[in-house]
Amino acid sequence: MLDNILLPLINWIESVVTAMGPAGVALLMAIESCNVPLPSEAILPFAGYLVSKGEMGFHTASFAGAIGCVLGSLPSYYIGYFGGRAFVEKYGKYFLVSKKDLEDADKWVDKYGDWAFFICRMLPVVRTFISLPAGILKARKRTFFTFTFLGSLIWSYLLVYVGVKLGQNLDKMKDIWHKFDVVIVLACVILFGWYIWKHFKHLKED
């Protein structure tokens, strides 16, 4: 079932990167950073595969990935910055987000925010959605986008390197990353269940 969804998506990703080169890498990574769950775990290793064939530069592919992440983060961040908080304060309870959640998040960002955003850019799934809450919480723009670039650059170098090392074994690469996708989906289900349980009391208090 998961393969039936992922395989056409991965084939499309590969066709875009093949046709557009580094610009395609940047475009797809920008889409991922706009809260669209387009897996960088497929985009960047395939770019690395092209690097192994001499069709793209290693540093070029990695920087294209990081630049795309920054560009894609812009609309998501500013949507959160200019309108997101008011929306969440008014309708957040319908999405299991309480006012206390926002207050706690404010304190969290004040104390750990910059480094936390940096780390989040190197985590699967989380990295896709981090820009919107960053905007809602009014994270410092220059620092946020600097850490977005640096964290994304490390992530890009890592996954491009994976693609280079796997080289011609493209089918093997897909199998490996599909296993990671299954683990990620299961983890998200568990975390979502924990989230509902933890916030139920807070939602009653709002």
C-alpha atoms as a PDB file:
ATOM      1  CA  MET A   1       0.000   0.000   0.000  1.00  0.00           C
ATOM      2  CA  LEU A   2       2.750   2.431   1.004  1.00  0.00           C
ATOM      3  CA  ASP A   3       4.819   1.400  -2.025  1.00  0.00           C
ATOM      4  CA  ASN A   4       1.871   2.128  -4.335  1.00  0.00           C
ATOM      5  CA  ILE A   5       1.882   5.718  -3.083  1.00  0.00           C
ATOM      6  CA  LEU A   6       5.626   6.242  -2.813  1.00  0.00           C
ATOM      7  CA  LEU A   7       6.862   4.689  -6.063  1.00  0.00           C
ATOM      8  CA  PRO A   8       4.998   7.063  -8.440  1.00  0.00           C
ATOM      9  CA  LEU A   9       6.088   9.991  -6.260  1.00  0.00           C
ATOM     10  CA  ILE A  10       9.722   8.893  -6.307  1.00  0.00           C
ATOM     11  CA  ASN A  11       9.589   8.362 -10.071  1.00  0.00           C
ATOM     12  CA  TRP A  12       8.261  11.891 -10.494  1.00  0.00           C
ATOM     13  CA  ILE A  13      10.982  13.300  -8.223  1.00  0.00           C
ATOM     14  CA  GLU A  14      13.640  11.521 -10.256  1.00  0.00           C
ATOM     15  CA  SER A  15      12.237  12.872 -13.531  1.00  0.00           C
ATOM     16  CA  VAL A  16      12.248  16.467 -12.214  1.00  0.00           C
ATOM     17  CA  VAL A  17      15.825  16.245 -10.904  1.00  0.00           C
ATOM     18  CA  THR A  18      17.026  14.563 -14.103  1.00  0.00           C
ATOM     19  CA  ALA A  19      15.416  17.203 -16.312  1.00  0.00           C
ATOM     20  CA  MET A  20      16.242  20.322 -14.271  1.00  0.00           C
ATOM     21  CA  GLY A  21      19.456  19.381 -12.446  1.00  0.00           C
ATOM     22  CA  PRO A  22      20.346  21.527  -9.401  1.00  0.00           C
ATOM     23  CA  ALA A  23      17.373  23.822 -10.113  1.00  0.00           C
ATOM     24  CA  GLY A  24      15.117  20.783  -9.806  1.00  0.00           C
ATOM     25  CA  VAL A  25      16.724  19.850  -6.487  1.00  0.00           C
ATOM     26  CA  ALA A  26      16.153  23.394  -5.194  1.00  0.00           C
ATOM     27  CA  LEU A  27      12.561  23.447  -6.471  1.00  0.00           C
ATOM     28  CA  LEU A  28      11.607  20.132  -4.857  1.00  0.00           C
ATOM     29  CA  MET A  29      13.293  20.999  -1.574  1.00  0.00           C
ATOM     30  CA  ALA A  30      11.447  24.334  -1.593  1.00  0.00           C
ATOM     31  CA  ILE A  31       8.152  22.487  -2.029  1.00  0.00           C
ATOM     32  CA  GLU A  32       9.045  20.237   0.906  1.00  0.00           C
ATOM     33  CA  SER A  33       9.709  23.268   3.116  1.00  0.00           C
ATOM     34  CA  CYS A  34       6.277  24.722   2.243  1.00  0.00           C
ATOM     35  CA  ASN A  35       4.589  22.158   4.545  1.00  0.00           C
ATOM     36  CA  VAL A  36       4.222  19.650   1.703  1.00  0.00           C
ATOM     37  CA  PRO A  37       5.413  16.156   2.724  1.00  0.00           C
ATOM     38  CA  LEU A  38       7.663  15.648  -0.301  1.00  0.00           C
ATOM     39  CA  PRO A  39      10.448  13.352   0.964  1.00  0.00           C
ATOM     40  CA  SER A  40      13.915  14.871   0.857  1.00  0.00           C
ATOM     41  CA  GLU A  41      15.009  11.284   1.603  1.00  0.00           C
ATOM     42  CA  ALA A  42      14.210  10.586  -2.068  1.00  0.00           C
ATOM     43  CA  ILE A  43      15.230  13.938  -3.591  1.00  0.00           C
ATOM     44  CA  LEU A  44      18.764  14.277  -2.249  1.00  0.00           C
ATOM     45  CA  PRO A  45      19.997  10.668  -2.547  1.00  0.00           C
ATOM     46  CA  PHE A  46      18.888  10.653  -6.185  1.00  0.00           C
ATOM     47  CA  ALA A  47      20.847  13.881  -6.691  1.00  0.00           C
ATOM     48  CA  GLY A  48      23.789  12.016  -5.143  1.00  0.00           C
ATOM     49  CA  TYR A  49      23.244   9.196  -7.629  1.00  0.00           C
ATOM     50  CA  LEU A  50      23.565  11.733 -10.457  1.00  0.00           C
ATOM     51  CA  VAL A  51      26.712  13.057  -8.778  1.00  0.00           C
ATOM     52  CA  SER A  52      28.174   9.529  -8.855  1.00  0.00           C
ATOM     53  CA  LYS A  53      27.524   9.462 -12.617  1.00  0.00           C
ATOM     54  CA  GLY A  54      29.242  12.819 -13.118  1.00  0.00           C
ATOM     55  CA  GLU A  55      26.010  14.586 -14.093  1.00  0.00           C
ATOM     56  CA  MET A  56      25.958  16.983 -11.123  1.00  0.00           C
ATOM     57  CA  GLY A  57      28.512  18.434  -8.711  1.00  0.00           C
ATOM     58  CA  PHE A  58      28.531  17.199  -5.105  1.00  0.00           C
ATOM     59  CA  HIS A  59      28.688  20.677  -3.542  1.00  0.00           C
ATOM     60  CA  THR A  60      26.279  22.076  -6.136  1.00  0.00           C
ATOM     61  CA  ALA A  61      23.641  19.457  -5.294  1.00  0.00           C
ATOM     62  CA  SER A  62      24.051  20.005  -1.543  1.00  0.00           C
ATOM     63  CA  PHE A  63      23.866  23.801  -1.722  1.00  0.00           C
ATOM     64  CA  ALA A  64      20.882  23.579  -4.084  1.00  0.00           C
ATOM     65  CA  GLY A  65      19.079  21.526  -1.442  1.00  0.00           C
ATOM     66  CA  ALA A  66      19.833  24.025   1.325  1.00  0.00           C
ATOM     67  CA  ILE A  67      18.901  27.051  -0.787  1.00  0.00           C
ATOM     68  CA  GLY A  68      15.626  25.383  -1.755  1.00  0.00           C
ATOM     69  CA  CYS A  69      14.823  24.805   1.927  1.00  0.00           C
ATOM     70  CA  VAL A  70      15.335  28.476   2.727  1.00  0.00           C
ATOM     71  CA  LEU A  71      13.199  29.643  -0.212  1.00  0.00           C
ATOM     72  CA  GLY A  72      10.410  27.217   0.669  1.00  0.00           C
ATOM     73  CA  SER A  73      10.471  28.296   4.306  1.00  0.00           C
ATOM     74  CA  LEU A  74       9.743  31.946   3.448  1.00  0.00           C
ATOM     75  CA  PRO A  75       5.988  31.724   2.653  1.00  0.00           C
ATOM     76  CA  SER A  76       5.319  29.265   5.484  1.00  0.00           C
ATOM     77  CA  TYR A  77       7.180  31.393   8.024  1.00  0.00           C
ATOM     78  CA  TYR A  78       5.443  34.635   7.018  1.00  0.00           C
ATOM     79  CA  ILE A  79       1.991  33.036   6.956  1.00  0.00           C
ATOM     80  CA  GLY A  80       2.595  32.043  10.541  1.00  0.00           C
ATOM     81  CA  TYR A  81       4.204  35.378  11.396  1.00  0.00           C
ATOM     82  CA  PHE A  82       1.414  37.631  10.126  1.00  0.00           C
ATOM     83  CA  GLY A  83      -1.718  35.548  10.611  1.00  0.00           C
ATOM     84  CA  GLY A  84      -0.985  32.215  12.163  1.00  0.00           C
ATOM     85  CA  ARG A  85      -1.071  33.073  15.841  1.00  0.00           C
ATOM     86  CA  ALA A  86      -4.467  34.790  15.698  1.00  0.00           C
ATOM     87  CA  PHE A  87      -5.857  31.792  13.824  1.00  0.00           C
ATOM     88  CA  VAL A  88      -4.402  29.318  16.323  1.00  0.00           C
ATOM     89  CA  GLU A  89      -5.638  31.328  19.325  1.00  0.00           C
ATOM     90  CA  LYS A  90      -9.159  31.379  17.880  1.00  0.00           C
ATOM     91  CA  TYR A  91      -9.447  27.945  16.276  1.00  0.00           C
ATOM     92  CA  GLY A  92      -6.528  26.030  17.754  1.00  0.00           C
ATOM     93  CA  LYS A  93      -8.688  23.948  20.090  1.00  0.00           C
ATOM     94  CA  TYR A  94     -10.221  22.261  17.054  1.00  0.00           C
ATOM     95  CA  PHE A  95      -6.718  21.104  16.109  1.00  0.00           C
ATOM     96  CA  LEU A  96      -5.797  20.105  19.691  1.00  0.00           C
ATOM     97  CA  VAL A  97      -3.657  23.219  20.220  1.00  0.00           C
ATOM     98  CA  SER A  98      -4.427  25.106  23.438  1.00  0.00           C
ATOM     99  CA  LYS A  99      -3.422  28.591  24.578  1.00  0.00           C
ATOM    100  CA  LYS A 100      -1.146  26.952  27.113  1.00  0.00           C
ATOM    101  CA  ASP A 101       0.619  25.199  24.236  1.00  0.00           C
ATOM    102  CA  LEU A 102       1.407  28.571  22.691  1.00  0.00           C
ATOM    103  CA  GLU A 103       2.588  29.989  26.015  1.00  0.00           C
ATOM    104  CA  ASP A 104       4.836  26.989  26.568  1.00  0.00           C
ATOM    105  CA  ALA A 105       6.137  27.244  23.017  1.00  0.00           C
ATOM    106  CA  ASP A 106       6.939  30.945  23.538  1.00  0.00           C
ATOM    107  CA  LYS A 107       9.053  30.062  26.581  1.00  0.00           C
ATOM    108  CA  TRP A 108      10.677  27.201  24.693  1.00  0.00           C
ATOM    109  CA  VAL A 109      11.654  29.446  21.778  1.00  0.00           C
ATOM    110  CA  ASP A 110      12.957  32.169  24.120  1.00  0.00           C
ATOM    111  CA  LYS A 111      15.223  29.658  25.838  1.00  0.00           C
ATOM    112  CA  TYR A 112      16.135  27.089  23.167  1.00  0.00           C
ATOM    113  CA  GLY A 113      14.509  28.268  19.938  1.00  0.00           C
ATOM    114  CA  ASP A 114      17.488  29.057  17.743  1.00  0.00           C
ATOM    115  CA  TRP A 115      19.300  25.772  18.331  1.00  0.00           C
ATOM    116  CA  ALA A 116      16.068  23.798  18.326  1.00  0.00           C
ATOM    117  CA  PHE A 117      15.186  25.078  14.850  1.00  0.00           C
ATOM    118  CA  PHE A 118      18.698  24.178  13.691  1.00  0.00           C
ATOM    119  CA  ILE A 119      18.290  20.604  14.954  1.00  0.00           C
ATOM    120  CA  CYS A 120      14.760  20.294  13.531  1.00  0.00           C
ATOM    121  CA  ARG A 121      16.144  20.949  10.039  1.00  0.00           C
ATOM    122  CA  MET A 122      18.046  17.680  10.307  1.00  0.00           C
ATOM    123  CA  LEU A 123      15.078  15.543  11.404  1.00  0.00           C
ATOM    124  CA  PRO A 124      12.784  13.636   9.009  1.00  0.00           C
ATOM    125  CA  VAL A 125       9.137  14.812   8.847  1.00  0.00           C
ATOM    126  CA  VAL A 126       9.628  17.521  11.494  1.00  0.00           C
ATOM    127  CA  ARG A 127      11.802  19.567   9.123  1.00  0.00           C
ATOM    128  CA  THR A 128       8.891  19.820   6.659  1.00  0.00           C
ATOM    129  CA  PHE A 129       6.571  21.629   9.084  1.00  0.00           C
ATOM    130  CA  ILE A 130       8.899  23.664  11.316  1.00  0.00           C
ATOM    131  CA  SER A 131       8.665  27.015   9.487  1.00  0.00           C
ATOM    132  CA  LEU A 132       4.983  27.644  10.262  1.00  0.00           C
ATOM    133  CA  PRO A 133       5.333  27.366  14.069  1.00  0.00           C
ATOM    134  CA  ALA A 134       8.547  29.382  13.836  1.00  0.00           C
ATOM    135  CA  GLY A 135       6.546  32.208  12.239  1.00  0.00           C
ATOM    136  CA  ILE A 136       3.694  31.868  14.727  1.00  0.00           C
ATOM    137  CA  LEU A 137       6.164  32.115  17.610  1.00  0.00           C
ATOM    138  CA  LYS A 138       7.889  35.157  16.038  1.00  0.00           C
ATOM    139  CA  ALA A 139      11.285  33.492  15.852  1.00  0.00           C
ATOM    140  CA  ARG A 140      14.005  36.016  14.981  1.00  0.00           C
ATOM    141  CA  LYS A 141      14.062  36.121  11.170  1.00  0.00           C
ATOM    142  CA  ARG A 142      17.768  36.464  10.506  1.00  0.00           C
ATOM    143  CA  THR A 143      18.702  33.802  13.040  1.00  0.00           C
ATOM    144  CA  PHE A 144      15.926  31.433  11.969  1.00  0.00           C
ATOM    145  CA  PHE A 145      16.810  31.573   8.287  1.00  0.00           C
ATOM    146  CA  THR A 146      20.537  31.299   9.031  1.00  0.00           C
ATOM    147  CA  PHE A 147      19.952  28.168  11.097  1.00  0.00           C
ATOM    148  CA  THR A 148      17.524  26.905   8.461  1.00  0.00           C
ATOM    149  CA  PHE A 149      20.259  27.181   5.843  1.00  0.00           C
ATOM    150  CA  LEU A 150      22.981  25.623   8.002  1.00  0.00           C
ATOM    151  CA  GLY A 151      20.835  22.745   9.277  1.00  0.00           C
ATOM    152  CA  SER A 152      19.503  22.082   5.787  1.00  0.00           C
ATOM    153  CA  LEU A 153      23.016  22.191   4.343  1.00  0.00           C
ATOM    154  CA  ILE A 154      24.203  19.485   6.751  1.00  0.00           C
ATOM    155  CA  TRP A 155      21.084  17.409   5.961  1.00  0.00           C
ATOM    156  CA  SER A 156      21.656  17.902   2.223  1.00  0.00           C
ATOM    157  CA  TYR A 157      25.327  16.941   2.357  1.00  0.00           C
ATOM    158  CA  LEU A 158      24.475  13.805   4.342  1.00  0.00           C
ATOM    159  CA  LEU A 159      21.772  12.554   1.982  1.00  0.00           C
ATOM    160  CA  VAL A 160      23.631  13.499  -1.191  1.00  0.00           C
ATOM    161  CA  TYR A 161      26.613  11.564   0.181  1.00  0.00           C
ATOM    162  CA  VAL A 162      24.331   8.548   0.758  1.00  0.00           C
ATOM    163  CA  GLY A 163      23.293   8.725  -2.892  1.00  0.00           C
ATOM    164  CA  VAL A 164      26.889   8.989  -4.063  1.00  0.00           C
ATOM    165  CA  LYS A 165      27.932   5.941  -2.023  1.00  0.00           C
ATOM    166  CA  LEU A 166      25.030   3.828  -3.210  1.00  0.00           C
ATOM    167  CA  GLY A 167      25.876   4.839  -6.758  1.00  0.00           C
ATOM    168  CA  GLN A 168      24.437   2.500  -9.308  1.00  0.00           C
ATOM    169  CA  ASN A 169      22.396   0.541  -6.724  1.00  0.00           C
ATOM    170  CA  LEU A 170      19.347   2.758  -7.163  1.00  0.00           C
ATOM    171  CA  ASP A 171      16.842  -0.037  -6.486  1.00  0.00           C
ATOM    172  CA  LYS A 172      18.621  -0.867  -3.246  1.00  0.00           C
ATOM    173  CA  MET A 173      18.525   2.806  -2.275  1.00  0.00           C
ATOM    174  CA  LYS A 174      14.746   2.898  -2.718  1.00  0.00           C
ATOM    175  CA  ASP A 175      14.275  -0.205  -0.580  1.00  0.00           C
ATOM    176  CA  ILE A 176      16.377   1.249   2.240  1.00  0.00           C
ATOM    177  CA  TRP A 177      14.522   4.553   2.318  1.00  0.00           C
ATOM    178  CA  HIS A 178      11.123   2.856   2.065  1.00  0.00           C
ATOM    179  CA  LYS A 179      11.952   1.068   5.317  1.00  0.00           C
ATOM    180  CA  PHE A 180      12.679   4.412   6.916  1.00  0.00           C
ATOM    181  CA  ASP A 181       9.339   5.767   5.621  1.00  0.00           C
ATOM    182  CA  VAL A 182       7.462   2.914   7.349  1.00  0.00           C
ATOM    183  CA  VAL A 183       9.255   3.614  10.629  1.00  0.00           C
ATOM    184  CA  ILE A 184       8.505   7.330  10.336  1.00  0.00           C
ATOM    185  CA  VAL A 185       4.778   6.713   9.711  1.00  0.00           C
ATOM    186  CA  LEU A 186       4.550   4.418  12.749  1.00  0.00           C
ATOM    187  CA  ALA A 187       6.397   6.949  14.901  1.00  0.00           C
ATOM    188  CA  CYS A 188       4.014   9.718  13.794  1.00  0.00           C
ATOM    189  CA  VAL A 189       0.972   7.602  14.730  1.00  0.00           C
ATOM    190  CA  ILE A 190       2.401   6.907  18.195  1.00  0.00           C
ATOM    191  CA  LEU A 191       3.365  10.537  18.759  1.00  0.00           C
ATOM    192  CA  PHE A 192      -0.052  11.776  17.599  1.00  0.00           C
ATOM    193  CA  GLY A 193      -1.775   9.454  20.070  1.00  0.00           C
ATOM    194  CA  TRP A 194       0.463  10.717  22.865  1.00  0.00           C
ATOM    195  CA  TYR A 195      -0.222  14.314  21.787  1.00  0.00           C
ATOM    196  CA  ILE A 196      -4.012  13.842  22.005  1.00  0.00           C
ATOM    197  CA  TRP A 197      -3.745  12.242  25.451  1.00  0.00           C
ATOM    198  CA  LYS A 198      -1.421  14.947  26.786  1.00  0.00           C
ATOM    199  CA  HIS A 199      -3.463  17.915  25.543  1.00  0.00           C
ATOM    200  CA  PHE A 200      -6.989  16.739  26.262  1.00  0.00           C
ATOM    201  CA  LYS A 201      -6.997  18.355  29.735  1.00  0.00           C
ATOM    202  CA  HIS A 202      -5.647  21.663  28.447  1.00  0.00           C
ATOM    203  CA  LEU A 203      -8.319  21.879  25.767  1.00  0.00           C
ATOM    204  CA  LYS A 204     -11.052  21.535  28.405  1.00  0.00           C
ATOM    205  CA  GLU A 205      -9.554  24.450  30.342  1.00  0.00           C
ATOM    206  CA  ASP A 206      -9.577  26.899  27.373  1.00  0.00           C
END
